[in-house]
């Protein structure tokens, strides 16, 4: 009998690399496990085993590890081709040990599943199919060709033929099933990790833009009064001075003060958040989110209003980067696919705030409607493409980022296709609908009486 936990790499990225140090450590564990299993079978169970050939196979693993340890740096990451060669060596070494110790009559033949599973988790489909096919061939050969296990009295230890056939069927099914299962789980995990990373990067970028806008707004607020004073005094000097040179200097001071005001005003367009004003009217936040897409050739129509029985006053909401970037992505998607019109409808009540983004485009593909909001959406193994825009290759990542960020802010996000029941002068709305619903307490500023002074501006700590 042979005990082997193949020295294989841990899960890496598909088509990626595996660290050599991990491979070396795990293979040493496999070598010690194999030596222990053969020792127990030979000296404790007193089975007749070809010790010389067995230790020759184990010695090959030892030599491979020593060469890898002394020739290559331990922190080296092995490319896909080298990982495949390593797995081929491991599965061949294991098959040779099983050949020497009873073939499929040895219960440790189950470990033939390990290299295929690891291949499915670390390599692409082609190498995995090749390794899986090789494993099936080796398992089939081991069912017929092997050195029988013998006891010390010479009895051959062999399972009934029916059990061997059943074990072979189970091995083949296990190789196929575990390979596909591991590949699917790893692919989904990798896609989700990449999508979450993209989401985090988008949120980080939005946070930086928000912070930059706060710096600009605070600078404009703080410098507004001294610039106004400089302009006033320079204007008075310009009226009172008689010397032409002094009047020219006073005029220059006034013009430069105006220039500073214009610069601060233009910089303020990069961001309207103020670190002293963490809330803003709901309509202002939604329009800020839509602002980058208002001049892209599509008409954006905004509609704000309370639901029946709600207060007519527009609520103030927390101006969070998650909300702004999430709504912006939904509007961007609508503008991308709209024919000419996009509608942004905002309603509120005492219990919830609802934002709907609608367009007059073709809508979401019906066969993918239930998967909208998942990253890297594919149809039939290929990413979705828009025939009207052949240069565009949709992956669903933008909607995934929007959905993730909005749900982080406490919202529920729903996707659907419209119908002709939504009428608009001149054109029915039948395209895509994205609906975001927040509980009021999640984003609306609590109203505890009249508003209070904001207080003195504080320095921003970096």
Protein backbone atom coordinates (compact mmCIF):
# COMPACT_ATOMS: atom_id res chain seq x y z
CA UNK A 1 0.00 0.00 0.00
CA UNK A 2 1.16 3.51 -0.69
CA UNK A 3 0.31 6.71 1.17
CA UNK A 4 0.95 9.75 -0.92
CA UNK A 5 -0.33 13.27 -0.68
CA UNK A 6 1.09 14.61 -3.89
CA UNK A 7 3.35 17.61 -3.48
CA UNK A 8 1.23 19.89 -5.56
CA UNK A 9 0.65 23.56 -5.53
CA UNK A 10 -2.13 25.29 -3.78
CA UNK A 11 -4.85 27.08 -5.64
CA UNK A 12 -3.58 29.87 -7.83
CA UNK A 13 -5.10 31.95 -10.49
CA UNK A 14 -6.25 30.25 -13.68
CA UNK A 15 -3.42 30.29 -16.18
CA UNK A 16 -1.33 31.84 -13.43
CA UNK A 17 1.65 30.70 -11.45
CA UNK A 18 2.51 28.66 -8.38
CA UNK A 19 5.25 29.44 -5.89
CA UNK A 20 8.10 26.93 -5.98
CA UNK A 21 8.54 26.97 -2.19
CA UNK A 22 4.99 25.66 -1.74
CA UNK A 23 5.68 22.89 -4.21
CA UNK A 24 8.91 21.85 -2.44
CA UNK A 25 7.36 21.75 1.03
CA UNK A 26 4.33 19.73 -0.04
CA UNK A 27 6.42 17.28 -2.02
CA UNK A 28 8.64 16.64 1.03
CA UNK A 29 5.46 15.82 2.96
CA UNK A 30 4.47 13.42 0.17
CA UNK A 31 7.89 11.71 0.29
CA UNK A 32 7.69 11.17 4.05
CA UNK A 33 4.10 9.88 3.71
CA UNK A 34 5.10 7.41 1.01
CA UNK A 35 8.07 6.11 3.01
CA UNK A 36 5.91 5.69 6.11
CA UNK A 37 3.16 3.85 4.19
CA UNK A 38 5.59 1.46 2.53
CA UNK A 39 7.36 0.84 5.82
CA UNK A 40 4.11 -0.01 7.61
CA UNK A 41 2.93 -2.27 4.77
CA UNK A 42 6.25 -4.11 4.55
CA UNK A 43 7.34 -4.48 8.19
CA UNK A 44 4.11 -4.24 10.21
CA UNK A 45 1.59 -5.86 7.82
CA UNK A 46 4.33 -8.12 6.41
CA UNK A 47 3.29 -7.66 2.76
CA UNK A 48 5.68 -8.62 -0.01
CA UNK A 49 6.53 -5.37 -1.80
CA UNK A 50 9.21 -4.54 -4.34
CA UNK A 51 11.04 -2.23 -1.96
CA UNK A 52 13.86 -1.44 -4.36
CA UNK A 53 11.60 -0.19 -7.15
CA UNK A 54 9.32 1.62 -4.70
CA UNK A 55 12.23 3.50 -3.17
CA UNK A 56 13.51 4.21 -6.68
CA UNK A 57 10.23 6.01 -7.47
CA UNK A 58 10.37 7.87 -4.16
CA UNK A 59 14.01 8.73 -4.80
CA UNK A 60 13.00 10.39 -8.07
CA UNK A 61 10.78 12.78 -6.07
CA UNK A 62 13.62 13.41 -3.64
CA UNK A 63 16.07 14.23 -6.44
CA UNK A 64 13.51 16.50 -8.12
CA UNK A 65 13.03 18.41 -4.89
CA UNK A 66 16.75 18.75 -4.24
CA UNK A 67 17.39 20.04 -7.75
CA UNK A 68 14.52 22.53 -7.46
CA UNK A 69 15.80 23.66 -4.04
CA UNK A 70 19.41 24.27 -5.04
CA UNK A 71 19.01 25.42 -8.66
CA UNK A 72 16.04 27.81 -8.42
CA UNK A 73 15.19 30.49 -5.82
CA UNK A 74 12.44 29.36 -3.46
CA UNK A 75 10.30 32.43 -4.10
CA UNK A 76 10.19 31.72 -7.84
CA UNK A 77 6.71 31.41 -9.29
CA UNK A 78 6.31 28.63 -11.80
CA UNK A 79 4.52 29.36 -15.09
CA UNK A 80 1.70 27.20 -16.39
CA UNK A 81 3.91 24.98 -18.52
CA UNK A 82 6.17 24.07 -15.60
CA UNK A 83 3.17 23.39 -13.37
CA UNK A 84 1.80 21.00 -16.02
CA UNK A 85 5.15 19.18 -16.21
CA UNK A 86 5.18 18.89 -12.42
CA UNK A 87 1.68 17.43 -12.37
CA UNK A 88 2.63 14.97 -15.12
CA UNK A 89 5.60 13.83 -13.05
CA UNK A 90 3.47 13.44 -9.91
CA UNK A 91 0.72 11.45 -11.61
CA UNK A 92 3.28 9.23 -13.35
CA UNK A 93 5.18 8.61 -10.12
CA UNK A 94 1.97 7.73 -8.30
CA UNK A 95 0.84 5.43 -11.12
CA UNK A 96 4.21 3.61 -10.97
CA UNK A 97 3.92 3.13 -7.20
CA UNK A 98 0.38 1.82 -7.62
CA UNK A 99 1.60 -0.58 -10.32
CA UNK A 100 4.10 -1.98 -7.81
CA UNK A 101 1.53 -2.25 -5.02
CA UNK A 102 -1.59 -3.91 -6.43
CA UNK A 103 -3.01 -1.44 -8.97
CA UNK A 104 -6.69 -0.72 -8.37
CA UNK A 105 -6.67 -3.26 -5.55
CA UNK A 106 -4.75 -0.64 -3.59
CA UNK A 107 -7.21 1.80 -1.96
CA UNK A 108 -4.65 4.59 -2.32
CA UNK A 109 -5.44 4.59 -6.05
CA UNK A 110 -8.04 7.19 -5.10
CA UNK A 111 -5.20 9.73 -4.94
CA UNK A 112 -5.09 9.73 -8.75
CA UNK A 113 -7.87 12.32 -8.44
CA UNK A 114 -5.53 14.84 -6.82
CA UNK A 115 -3.41 15.91 -9.81
CA UNK A 116 -6.49 16.40 -12.01
CA UNK A 117 -8.24 18.45 -9.33
CA UNK A 118 -5.20 20.67 -8.80
CA UNK A 119 -4.83 21.09 -12.57
CA UNK A 120 -8.44 22.21 -12.83
CA UNK A 121 -7.81 24.78 -10.10
CA UNK A 122 -4.55 26.19 -11.49
CA UNK A 123 -4.37 25.54 -15.24
CA UNK A 124 -6.52 26.30 -18.26
CA UNK A 125 -8.99 23.89 -19.82
CA UNK A 126 -6.63 22.40 -22.43
CA UNK A 127 -3.90 21.16 -20.04
CA UNK A 128 -6.58 19.97 -17.62
CA UNK A 129 -8.31 17.87 -20.28
CA UNK A 130 -4.96 16.38 -21.26
CA UNK A 131 -4.07 15.52 -17.67
CA UNK A 132 -7.57 14.14 -16.99
CA UNK A 133 -7.41 11.94 -20.09
CA UNK A 134 -3.99 10.66 -19.03
CA UNK A 135 -5.35 9.86 -15.56
CA UNK A 136 -8.22 7.83 -17.08
CA UNK A 137 -5.75 5.91 -19.28
CA UNK A 138 -3.46 5.16 -16.33
CA UNK A 139 -6.36 4.05 -14.13
CA UNK A 140 -7.56 1.74 -16.91
CA UNK A 141 -4.10 0.20 -17.32
CA UNK A 142 -3.78 -0.25 -13.55
CA UNK A 143 -6.98 -2.32 -13.60
CA UNK A 144 -5.24 -4.96 -15.74
CA UNK A 145 -1.49 -4.52 -15.28
CA UNK A 146 0.04 -4.46 -11.80
CA UNK A 147 2.26 -6.41 -9.40
CA UNK A 148 -0.10 -8.25 -7.02
CA UNK A 149 0.14 -7.67 -3.29
CA UNK A 150 1.18 -10.85 -1.45
CA UNK A 151 1.11 -11.73 2.21
CA UNK A 152 4.04 -13.35 4.01
CA UNK A 153 2.39 -16.74 3.36
CA UNK A 154 2.21 -16.09 -0.38
CA UNK A 155 -1.53 -15.38 -0.63
CA UNK A 156 -2.48 -12.84 -3.29
CA UNK A 157 -4.54 -9.96 -1.88
CA UNK A 158 -7.06 -9.12 -4.57
CA UNK A 159 -10.61 -7.68 -4.62
CA UNK A 160 -13.40 -9.44 -6.54
CA UNK A 161 -13.44 -8.42 -10.19
CA UNK A 162 -16.83 -6.76 -9.80
CA UNK A 163 -15.42 -4.49 -7.10
CA UNK A 164 -12.44 -3.61 -9.28
CA UNK A 165 -14.76 -2.64 -12.15
CA UNK A 166 -16.89 -0.57 -9.77
CA UNK A 167 -13.79 1.12 -8.39
CA UNK A 168 -12.65 1.92 -11.94
CA UNK A 169 -16.04 3.44 -12.81
CA UNK A 170 -15.98 5.50 -9.61
CA UNK A 171 -12.46 6.70 -10.38
CA UNK A 172 -13.37 7.81 -13.92
CA UNK A 173 -16.52 9.57 -12.71
CA UNK A 174 -14.54 11.18 -9.90
CA UNK A 175 -11.87 12.45 -12.28
CA UNK A 176 -14.47 14.01 -14.58
CA UNK A 177 -16.75 15.38 -11.86
CA UNK A 178 -14.06 16.78 -9.56
CA UNK A 179 -12.23 18.30 -12.50
CA UNK A 180 -15.32 20.13 -13.74
CA UNK A 181 -16.42 21.06 -10.21
CA UNK A 182 -13.01 22.46 -9.23
CA UNK A 183 -12.69 24.35 -12.52
CA UNK A 184 -16.13 25.96 -12.15
CA UNK A 185 -15.66 26.94 -8.51
CA UNK A 186 -12.19 28.35 -9.15
CA UNK A 187 -13.37 30.28 -12.22
CA UNK A 188 -16.25 31.83 -10.28
CA UNK A 189 -14.01 32.64 -7.32
CA UNK A 190 -11.39 34.23 -9.59
CA UNK A 191 -14.01 36.25 -11.47
CA UNK A 192 -15.57 37.44 -8.23
CA UNK A 193 -12.17 38.40 -6.81
CA UNK A 194 -11.36 40.42 -9.92
CA UNK A 195 -14.77 42.06 -9.89
CA UNK A 196 -14.51 42.94 -6.19
CA UNK A 197 -11.05 44.37 -6.81
CA UNK A 198 -12.46 46.52 -9.61
CA UNK A 199 -15.26 47.59 -7.27
CA UNK A 200 -12.80 48.56 -4.56
CA UNK A 201 -10.69 50.50 -7.06
CA UNK A 202 -13.78 52.33 -8.32
CA UNK A 203 -14.85 53.20 -4.79
CA UNK A 204 -11.33 54.32 -3.91
CA UNK A 205 -11.24 56.55 -6.97
CA UNK A 206 -14.62 58.05 -6.13
CA UNK A 207 -13.49 58.63 -2.55
CA UNK A 208 -10.35 60.42 -3.75
CA UNK A 209 -12.40 62.59 -6.09
CA UNK A 210 -14.76 63.36 -3.23
CA UNK A 211 -11.87 64.26 -0.94
CA UNK A 212 -10.34 66.41 -3.69
CA UNK A 213 -13.65 68.15 -4.15
CA UNK A 214 -13.74 68.79 -0.42
CA UNK A 215 -10.29 70.35 -0.48
CA UNK A 216 -11.27 72.57 -3.42
CA UNK A 217 -14.57 73.59 -1.88
CA UNK A 218 -12.92 74.33 1.47
CA UNK A 219 -10.20 76.36 -0.27
CA UNK A 220 -12.78 78.36 -2.20
CA UNK A 221 -14.74 78.93 1.00
CA UNK A 222 -11.73 80.02 3.02
CA UNK A 223 -10.18 82.21 0.31
CA UNK A 224 -13.43 83.83 -0.74
CA UNK A 225 -13.41 86.52 1.96
CA UNK A 226 -9.74 87.61 1.66
CA UNK A 227 -9.99 87.71 -2.14
CA UNK A 228 -13.11 89.84 -1.91
CA UNK A 229 -11.29 92.18 0.51
CA UNK A 230 -8.29 92.43 -1.83
CA UNK A 231 -10.56 93.24 -4.75
CA UNK A 232 -12.47 95.87 -2.77
CA UNK A 233 -9.34 97.60 -1.51
CA UNK A 234 -7.66 97.50 -4.92
CA UNK A 235 -10.76 99.04 -6.50
CA UNK A 236 -10.75 101.84 -3.92
CA UNK A 237 -7.04 102.46 -4.51
CA UNK A 238 -7.66 102.52 -8.25
CA UNK A 239 -10.23 105.30 -7.75
CA UNK A 240 -8.09 107.36 -5.37
CA UNK A 241 -4.57 107.04 -6.76
CA UNK A 242 -3.40 109.70 -9.24
CA UNK A 243 0.02 108.25 -10.10
CA UNK A 244 -0.23 106.25 -13.32
CA UNK A 245 2.24 103.57 -12.21
CA UNK A 246 0.47 103.06 -8.88
CA UNK A 247 -2.89 102.93 -10.62
CA UNK A 248 -1.50 100.28 -12.96
CA UNK A 249 -0.29 98.23 -9.97
CA UNK A 250 -3.69 98.54 -8.26
CA UNK A 251 -5.43 97.44 -11.46
CA UNK A 252 -3.08 94.44 -11.69
CA UNK A 253 -3.91 93.45 -8.09
CA UNK A 254 -7.63 93.66 -8.86
CA UNK A 255 -7.29 91.62 -12.06
CA UNK A 256 -5.24 88.95 -10.31
CA UNK A 257 -7.82 88.70 -7.53
CA UNK A 258 -10.49 88.16 -10.20
CA UNK A 259 -8.28 85.54 -11.81
CA UNK A 260 -7.91 83.70 -8.48
CA UNK A 261 -11.69 83.73 -8.10
CA UNK A 262 -12.17 82.27 -11.58
CA UNK A 263 -9.56 79.58 -10.97
CA UNK A 264 -11.21 78.52 -7.72
CA UNK A 265 -14.60 78.50 -9.43
CA UNK A 266 -13.35 76.30 -12.29
CA UNK A 267 -11.57 73.94 -9.86
CA UNK A 268 -14.76 73.66 -7.87
CA UNK A 269 -16.41 71.91 -10.84
CA UNK A 270 -14.18 68.87 -10.17
CA UNK A 271 -16.07 68.15 -6.98
CA UNK A 272 -18.87 69.76 -5.03
CA UNK A 273 -18.57 67.95 -1.76
CA UNK A 274 -17.56 70.03 1.21
CA UNK A 275 -16.01 68.38 4.23
CA UNK A 276 -18.26 70.63 6.32
CA UNK A 277 -21.36 69.56 4.38
CA UNK A 278 -21.68 65.79 4.41
CA UNK A 279 -25.30 65.86 3.28
CA UNK A 280 -27.03 67.40 0.27
CA UNK A 281 -30.52 67.48 -1.22
CA UNK A 282 -31.47 64.23 -2.93
CA UNK A 283 -31.97 65.97 -6.26
CA UNK A 284 -28.51 67.54 -6.07
CA UNK A 285 -26.80 64.21 -5.40
CA UNK A 286 -28.60 62.48 -8.28
CA UNK A 287 -27.78 65.29 -10.71
CA UNK A 288 -24.15 65.28 -9.57
CA UNK A 289 -24.00 61.56 -10.29
CA UNK A 290 -25.49 62.07 -13.76
CA UNK A 291 -23.42 65.16 -14.66
CA UNK A 292 -20.60 63.33 -16.55
CA UNK A 293 -23.18 61.80 -18.92
CA UNK A 294 -25.36 64.85 -19.63
CA UNK A 295 -23.44 65.83 -22.78
CA UNK A 296 -23.09 62.49 -24.55
CA UNK A 297 -25.76 62.99 -27.20
CA UNK A 298 -28.66 61.51 -25.21
CA UNK A 299 -31.38 63.50 -23.45
CA UNK A 300 -31.56 62.98 -19.69
CA UNK A 301 -34.96 63.68 -18.16
CA UNK A 302 -35.18 64.11 -14.39
CA UNK A 303 -38.33 63.78 -12.36
CA UNK A 304 -38.36 64.35 -8.60
CA UNK A 305 -41.40 64.07 -6.41
CA UNK A 306 -42.85 62.58 -3.22
CA UNK A 307 -44.98 59.49 -3.14
CA UNK A 308 -48.61 59.85 -2.17
CA UNK A 309 -48.95 61.14 1.38
CA UNK A 310 -45.26 62.02 1.77
CA UNK A 311 -43.73 65.40 2.58
CA UNK A 312 -43.19 67.59 -0.52
CA UNK A 313 -39.84 68.82 0.80
CA UNK A 314 -36.86 67.18 -0.89
CA UNK A 315 -34.98 65.20 1.77
CA UNK A 316 -31.31 65.69 2.51
CA UNK A 317 -29.31 62.49 2.11
CA UNK A 318 -25.78 61.47 3.01
CA UNK A 319 -23.48 62.28 0.11
CA UNK A 320 -21.53 59.00 0.05
CA UNK A 321 -19.15 57.91 -2.70
CA UNK A 322 -20.93 54.53 -2.91
CA UNK A 323 -24.22 56.20 -3.75
CA UNK A 324 -22.77 58.63 -6.28
CA UNK A 325 -20.65 56.09 -8.12
CA UNK A 326 -23.35 53.40 -8.08
CA UNK A 327 -26.05 55.68 -9.51
CA UNK A 328 -23.53 57.07 -12.01
CA UNK A 329 -22.79 53.58 -13.33
CA UNK A 330 -26.51 52.86 -13.77
CA UNK A 331 -26.98 56.12 -15.68
CA UNK A 332 -23.89 55.41 -17.78
CA UNK A 333 -25.27 52.00 -18.75
CA UNK A 334 -28.61 53.58 -19.70
CA UNK A 335 -26.92 56.28 -21.79
CA UNK A 336 -24.71 53.69 -23.49
CA UNK A 337 -27.67 51.68 -24.78
CA UNK A 338 -30.41 54.30 -25.09
CA UNK A 339 -31.65 55.33 -28.51
CA UNK A 340 -32.20 58.97 -27.57
CA UNK A 341 -33.86 59.28 -24.15
CA UNK A 342 -32.99 58.40 -20.57
CA UNK A 343 -35.32 59.00 -17.64
CA UNK A 344 -34.22 59.30 -14.02
CA UNK A 345 -37.19 59.16 -11.67
CA UNK A 346 -36.74 59.83 -7.97
CA UNK A 347 -39.47 59.39 -5.38
CA UNK A 348 -39.44 59.39 -1.61
CA UNK A 349 -41.72 58.63 1.29
CA UNK A 350 -41.41 58.30 5.06
CA UNK A 351 -40.23 54.71 4.64
CA UNK A 352 -38.06 54.58 1.53
CA UNK A 353 -36.28 56.43 -1.26
CA UNK A 354 -36.63 55.06 -4.80
CA UNK A 355 -34.48 55.88 -7.82
CA UNK A 356 -35.38 54.43 -11.22
CA UNK A 357 -33.19 54.74 -14.30
CA UNK A 358 -35.01 53.95 -17.57
CA UNK A 359 -34.02 54.19 -21.23
CA UNK A 360 -35.59 53.72 -24.64
CA UNK A 361 -33.00 51.19 -25.81
CA UNK A 362 -33.41 47.48 -26.56
CA UNK A 363 -33.44 46.48 -22.89
CA UNK A 364 -31.56 43.68 -21.18
CA UNK A 365 -31.26 40.34 -23.04
CA UNK A 366 -34.07 38.17 -21.71
CA UNK A 367 -31.88 35.08 -21.37
CA UNK A 368 -29.46 37.05 -19.18
CA UNK A 369 -31.99 39.07 -17.22
CA UNK A 370 -31.76 36.85 -14.14
CA UNK A 371 -27.97 37.23 -14.09
CA UNK A 372 -27.78 41.02 -14.42
CA UNK A 373 -25.54 42.25 -11.64
CA UNK A 374 -23.15 39.30 -11.84
CA UNK A 375 -19.61 40.03 -13.05
CA UNK A 376 -18.21 38.80 -16.37
CA UNK A 377 -21.52 37.67 -17.84
CA UNK A 378 -21.13 35.33 -20.78
CA UNK A 379 -23.62 33.89 -23.25
CA UNK A 380 -22.75 30.52 -24.68
CA UNK A 381 -19.17 30.76 -23.48
CA UNK A 382 -18.68 34.20 -25.10
CA UNK A 383 -19.00 37.63 -23.63
CA UNK A 384 -22.08 39.56 -24.62
CA UNK A 385 -21.62 41.96 -27.54
CA UNK A 386 -23.86 44.73 -28.77
CA UNK A 387 -24.49 44.58 -32.52
CA UNK A 388 -25.13 48.32 -32.65
CA UNK A 389 -21.73 48.99 -31.11
CA UNK A 390 -19.33 46.29 -32.32
CA UNK A 391 -16.45 47.92 -30.48
CA UNK A 392 -18.23 47.36 -27.16
CA UNK A 393 -17.76 44.10 -25.33
CA UNK A 394 -20.07 43.89 -22.33
CA UNK A 395 -18.87 42.00 -19.30
CA UNK A 396 -21.48 43.12 -16.78
CA UNK A 397 -18.74 44.56 -14.61
CA UNK A 398 -20.17 48.09 -14.53
CA UNK A 399 -23.56 46.89 -13.30
CA UNK A 400 -21.86 44.56 -10.83
CA UNK A 401 -19.89 47.48 -9.39
CA UNK A 402 -23.04 49.60 -9.21
CA UNK A 403 -25.03 46.84 -7.53
CA UNK A 404 -22.27 46.06 -5.04
CA UNK A 405 -21.71 49.69 -4.05
CA UNK A 406 -25.41 50.48 -3.76
CA UNK A 407 -26.09 47.37 -1.69
CA UNK A 408 -23.22 48.41 0.55
CA UNK A 409 -25.08 51.67 1.17
CA UNK A 410 -28.15 49.68 2.28
CA UNK A 411 -30.13 49.60 -0.97
CA UNK A 412 -31.94 46.86 -2.88
CA UNK A 413 -31.21 46.85 -6.60
CA UNK A 414 -33.58 45.35 -9.18
CA UNK A 415 -33.22 45.04 -12.95
CA UNK A 416 -36.09 44.59 -15.41
CA UNK A 417 -37.28 45.45 -18.90
CA UNK A 418 -39.98 48.06 -19.45
CA UNK A 419 -43.10 47.89 -21.57
CA UNK A 420 -45.42 50.21 -23.48
CA UNK A 421 -47.48 50.87 -20.36
CA UNK A 422 -44.93 53.57 -19.42
CA UNK A 423 -45.95 56.36 -21.75
CA UNK A 424 -44.01 59.50 -22.50
CA UNK A 425 -44.89 62.25 -25.00
CA UNK A 426 -43.57 61.19 -28.36
CA UNK A 427 -42.11 57.81 -27.39
CA UNK A 428 -42.99 54.84 -25.19
CA UNK A 429 -40.40 53.66 -22.70
CA UNK A 430 -39.71 50.02 -23.34
CA UNK A 431 -35.99 49.67 -22.59
CA UNK A 432 -34.07 48.65 -19.49
CA UNK A 433 -35.11 49.60 -15.98
CA UNK A 434 -32.75 49.75 -13.00
CA UNK A 435 -34.48 50.34 -9.67
CA UNK A 436 -32.71 51.25 -6.42
CA UNK A 437 -34.65 51.26 -3.16
CA UNK A 438 -33.17 52.54 0.12
CA UNK A 439 -34.82 52.45 3.52
CA UNK A 440 -35.19 56.04 4.64
CA UNK A 441 -32.99 55.58 7.68
CA UNK A 442 -30.12 54.29 5.51
CA UNK A 443 -29.44 57.49 3.55
CA UNK A 444 -31.76 60.30 4.70
CA UNK A 445 -30.31 62.70 7.25
CA UNK A 446 -32.06 62.48 10.57
CA UNK A 447 -34.08 65.61 11.28
CA UNK A 448 -33.68 66.67 14.91
CA UNK A 449 -35.12 70.14 14.89
CA UNK A 450 -33.73 73.21 13.12
CA UNK A 451 -30.37 73.07 11.42
CA UNK A 452 -27.33 74.09 13.44
CA UNK A 453 -24.27 76.16 12.43
CA UNK A 454 -21.52 74.15 10.79
CA UNK A 455 -18.83 75.80 12.90
CA UNK A 456 -15.31 76.79 12.03
CA UNK A 457 -13.56 74.95 9.19
CA UNK A 458 -10.97 72.52 10.45
CA UNK A 459 -7.66 71.63 8.79
CA UNK A 460 -7.69 68.42 6.76
CA UNK A 461 -5.36 65.81 8.23
CA UNK A 462 -3.47 63.63 5.74
